[in-house]
Every structure is written in structure tokens, then in C-alpha cells.
C-alpha atoms as a PDB file:
ATOM      1  CA  MET A   1      -0.075   0.072   0.348  1.00  0.00           C
ATOM      2  CA  LYS A   2       0.761   3.581  -0.582  1.00  0.00           C
ATOM      3  CA  PHE A   3       0.529   5.656   2.609  1.00  0.00           C
ATOM      4  CA  TYR A   4       0.597   9.658   2.857  1.00  0.00           C
ATOM      5  CA  ILE A   5       2.147  11.755   5.773  1.00  0.00           C
ATOM      6  CA  ALA A   6       2.410  15.187   6.097  1.00  0.00           C
ATOM      7  CA  GLU A   7       2.876  17.483   8.985  1.00  0.00           C
ATOM      8  CA  GLY A   8      -1.224  18.038   9.204  1.00  0.00           C
ATOM      9  CA  ASN A   9      -1.397  14.067  10.292  1.00  0.00           C
ATOM     10  CA  LEU A  10       0.858  14.415  13.037  1.00  0.00           C
ATOM     11  CA  GLY A  11      -0.967  16.848  15.406  1.00  0.00           C
ATOM     12  CA  GLU A  12      -0.445  20.367  16.430  1.00  0.00           C
ATOM     13  CA  GLY A  13       3.744  21.710  16.748  1.00  0.00           C
ATOM     14  CA  PHE A  14       5.235  19.051  14.056  1.00  0.00           C
ATOM     15  CA  SER A  15       7.329  20.577  11.135  1.00  0.00           C
ATOM     16  CA  ARG A  16       7.520  19.196   7.793  1.00  0.00           C
ATOM     17  CA  ASP A  17      11.363  18.250   8.323  1.00  0.00           C
ATOM     18  CA  GLN A  18       9.609  16.366  11.203  1.00  0.00           C
ATOM     19  CA  ALA A  19       7.112  14.527   9.003  1.00  0.00           C
ATOM     20  CA  GLU A  20       9.867  13.897   6.286  1.00  0.00           C
ATOM     21  CA  LYS A  21      12.139  12.272   8.773  1.00  0.00           C
ATOM     22  CA  LEU A  22       9.094   9.757  10.392  1.00  0.00           C
ATOM     23  CA  ILE A  23       8.540   9.233   6.369  1.00  0.00           C
ATOM     24  CA  ARG A  24      12.704   7.960   6.571  1.00  0.00           C
ATOM     25  CA  LEU A  25      12.109   6.048   9.445  1.00  0.00           C
ATOM     26  CA  LEU A  26       9.240   4.121   7.990  1.00  0.00           C
ATOM     27  CA  LYS A  27      10.713   3.685   4.440  1.00  0.00           C
ATOM     28  CA  ASP A  28      13.829   1.919   6.214  1.00  0.00           C
ATOM     29  CA  LYS A  29      11.077  -0.644   7.941  1.00  0.00           C
ATOM     30  CA  GLY A  30       9.906  -1.188   4.348  1.00  0.00           C
ATOM     31  CA  TRP A  31       6.976   0.892   3.550  1.00  0.00           C
ATOM     32  CA  ASP A  32       5.990   2.555   0.587  1.00  0.00           C
ATOM     33  CA  VAL A  33       5.141   6.254   1.828  1.00  0.00           C
ATOM     34  CA  GLU A  34       5.693   9.720   0.459  1.00  0.00           C
ATOM     35  CA  TYR A  35       4.775  13.544   1.372  1.00  0.00           C
ATOM     36  CA  GLY A  36       1.810  14.856   0.994  1.00  0.00           C
ATOM     37  CA  LEU A  37      -2.065  14.631   1.852  1.00  0.00           C
ATOM     38  CA  ARG A  38      -3.668  12.012  -0.183  1.00  0.00           C
ATOM     39  CA  ARG A  39      -5.822   8.810   0.821  1.00  0.00           C
ATOM     40  CA  ASN A  40      -3.862   5.844   1.159  1.00  0.00           C
ATOM     41  CA  ARG A  41      -4.406   3.395  -1.317  1.00  0.00           C
ATOM     42  CA  ALA A  42      -3.726  -0.349  -2.237  1.00  0.00           C
ATOM     43  CA  THR A  43      -0.977  -0.272  -5.044  1.00  0.00           C
ATOM     44  CA  ASP A  44      -0.971  -4.019  -5.954  1.00  0.00           C
ATOM     45  CA  ILE A  45      -3.716  -6.563  -6.204  1.00  0.00           C
ATOM     46  CA  SER A  46      -2.379  -9.236  -4.212  1.00  0.00           C
ATOM     47  CA  GLU A  47      -3.170  -5.802  -1.101  1.00  0.00           C
ATOM     48  CA  PHE A  48      -6.970  -5.686  -2.366  1.00  0.00           C
ATOM     49  CA  GLY A  49      -9.028  -7.381   0.928  1.00  0.00           C
ATOM     50  CA  ARG A  50      -6.091  -6.815   2.934  1.00  0.00           C
ATOM     51  CA  GLU A  51      -6.256  -3.238   3.359  1.00  0.00           C
ATOM     52  CA  GLU A  52      -7.317  -3.259   6.845  1.00  0.00           C
ATOM     53  CA  ALA A  53      -4.225  -5.544   7.965  1.00  0.00           C
ATOM     54  CA  ILE A  54      -1.629  -3.627   6.254  1.00  0.00           C
ATOM     55  CA  GLN A  55      -3.061  -0.156   7.659  1.00  0.00           C
ATOM     56  CA  GLU A  56      -3.080  -1.986  11.468  1.00  0.00           C
ATOM     57  CA  ALA A  57       0.511  -2.898  10.889  1.00  0.00           C
ATOM     58  CA  PHE A  58       1.641   0.165   9.326  1.00  0.00           C
ATOM     59  CA  ALA A  59      -0.110   2.104  12.641  1.00  0.00           C
ATOM     60  CA  GLU A  60       2.012   0.107  14.725  1.00  0.00           C
ATOM     61  CA  ASP A  61       5.411   1.240  13.008  1.00  0.00           C
ATOM     62  CA  PHE A  62       3.790   4.174  12.592  1.00  0.00           C
ATOM     63  CA  MET A  63       3.419   4.878  16.534  1.00  0.00           C
ATOM     64  CA  SER A  64       6.657   3.552  17.146  1.00  0.00           C
ATOM     65  CA  CYS A  65       8.517   5.638  14.850  1.00  0.00           C
ATOM     66  CA  LEU A  66       6.503   8.495  15.596  1.00  0.00           C
ATOM     67  CA  SER A  67       7.679   8.185  19.589  1.00  0.00           C
ATOM     68  CA  LEU A  68      11.408   8.133  18.344  1.00  0.00           C
ATOM     69  CA  LEU A  69      10.569  11.744  17.127  1.00  0.00           C
ATOM     70  CA  GLU A  70       9.247  13.422  20.438  1.00  0.00           C
ATOM     71  CA  GLU A  71      12.301  11.894  22.223  1.00  0.00           C
END
């Protein structure tokens, strides 16, 4: 799946630099992430019907990477 992140997704007080650092951290974990405010979407036929499970796994990595930014 393709995920999009911008400072607007992260909450008040986050900068574009922090959003881009988070994107790099998630890419290092193997996620397909870009900067922007678009809708996350399946990019491969094998992902159809599994979007919820993929999004849950992404959310776990997202939260762990986000906690690194807040340290």
C-alpha cells in the first residue's frame, strides 16, 4: 500500500522536517510512504481485501517511529 504523511497528519506542533524524518524511518522499515495529504491506497492486487490488516501493521510501525521523533 501507498501511505501519505504530512505534518497535518501528525498533530499540532509538528514540522515538515519532522514529517520527512518520520517518512524516512518508515521507509527504512519497508513501507511505501510519501509526503502529502492524500488518501492511502492499495497499489498491488495482492493487497485488495487485506487493506485493514496492512493498515494495522502500518499503524504499529507509525506509532513506534513517531515515538522516536518525540524523544
